[in-house]
Amino acid sequence: MLKNRYLTEFVLEELAEKMVFIGGPRQVGKTTLAREFIAKKFRETGYYNWDRRADRSRIMKSDWPGNAELIILDEIHK
């Protein structure tokens, strides 16, 4: 069971209207928080991590499902 984070509801509200960036120091739970949204509210999603070669290729091609309600780009700062 994931911790109920105080940011979750704020981020969900913002996602209804715009793109949201989650930033912070290493190992504080940014990826966990982002992946939590997949289970919480969105049925059709795409999760891509820049550290995975296959995902990196898909990110560079903007190759994700057209019906996705949420696209998560993780480690994209690299």
Protein backbone atom coordinates (compact mmCIF):
# COMPACT_ATOMS: atom_id res chain seq x y z
CA MET A 1 0.00 0.00 0.00
CA LEU A 2 1.35 3.39 -0.98
CA LYS A 3 1.56 6.31 1.40
CA ASN A 4 -1.10 8.94 0.93
CA ARG A 5 1.03 11.93 -0.03
CA TYR A 6 -0.19 15.45 0.51
CA LEU A 7 0.75 16.38 -3.08
CA THR A 8 -1.41 13.72 -4.73
CA GLU A 9 -4.70 15.64 -4.79
CA PHE A 10 -3.02 18.89 -5.84
CA VAL A 11 -1.27 17.19 -8.76
CA LEU A 12 -4.48 15.43 -9.85
CA GLU A 13 -6.32 18.78 -9.87
CA GLU A 14 -3.59 20.36 -11.98
CA LEU A 15 -3.46 17.40 -14.39
CA ALA A 16 -7.08 18.05 -15.27
CA GLU A 17 -5.99 21.24 -17.01
CA LYS A 18 -2.27 21.14 -17.77
CA MET A 19 1.08 19.44 -17.78
CA VAL A 20 2.67 18.86 -14.37
CA PHE A 21 6.37 18.52 -13.58
CA ILE A 22 7.48 16.73 -10.42
CA GLY A 23 10.97 17.61 -9.23
CA GLY A 24 13.07 17.13 -6.14
CA PRO A 25 16.17 15.52 -4.67
CA ARG A 26 17.14 11.93 -5.34
CA GLN A 27 15.31 9.08 -3.62
CA VAL A 28 12.35 11.11 -2.29
CA GLY A 29 9.64 9.22 -4.19
CA LYS A 30 9.10 11.18 -7.41
CA THR A 31 8.76 8.04 -9.53
CA THR A 32 6.57 6.36 -6.94
CA LEU A 33 4.30 9.41 -6.85
CA ALA A 34 4.10 9.57 -10.65
CA ARG A 35 3.30 5.86 -10.96
CA GLU A 36 0.65 6.19 -8.27
CA PHE A 37 -1.41 8.28 -10.69
CA ILE A 38 -1.61 5.35 -13.10
CA ALA A 39 -3.44 3.27 -10.50
CA LYS A 40 -5.45 6.13 -8.99
CA LYS A 41 -7.39 7.74 -11.76
CA PHE A 42 -6.25 7.13 -15.30
CA ARG A 43 -7.23 4.07 -17.32
CA GLU A 44 -5.17 4.63 -20.45
CA THR A 45 -1.62 5.66 -19.68
CA GLY A 46 1.90 5.53 -20.99
CA TYR A 47 4.94 5.31 -18.70
CA TYR A 48 8.36 5.83 -20.25
CA ASN A 49 11.71 5.94 -18.45
CA TRP A 50 14.67 7.58 -20.19
CA ASP A 51 17.00 5.06 -18.53
CA ARG A 52 15.47 2.22 -20.58
CA ARG A 53 16.78 2.08 -24.12
CA ALA A 54 13.45 1.02 -25.66
CA ASP A 55 11.59 3.77 -23.82
CA ARG A 56 14.20 6.34 -24.84
CA SER A 57 13.63 5.49 -28.48
CA ARG A 58 9.86 5.81 -28.08
CA ILE A 59 10.23 9.16 -26.29
CA MET A 60 12.41 10.54 -29.08
CA LYS A 61 9.80 9.45 -31.65
CA SER A 62 6.83 10.64 -29.52
CA ASP A 63 5.57 7.09 -29.94
CA TRP A 64 2.87 6.62 -27.32
CA PRO A 65 -0.78 5.58 -27.39
CA GLY A 66 -3.06 8.17 -28.93
CA ASN A 67 -5.81 7.32 -26.48
CA ALA A 68 -3.61 7.84 -23.40
CA GLU A 69 -5.14 10.07 -20.74
CA LEU A 70 -1.76 10.40 -19.02
CA ILE A 71 1.81 10.19 -20.31
CA ILE A 72 4.60 9.97 -17.74
CA LEU A 73 8.15 10.73 -18.85
CA ASP A 74 10.52 9.66 -16.08
CA GLU A 75 14.20 10.60 -15.81
CA ILE A 76 13.68 12.88 -18.82
CA HIS A 77 16.11 15.48 -17.46
CA LYS A 78 19.00 13.31 -18.63
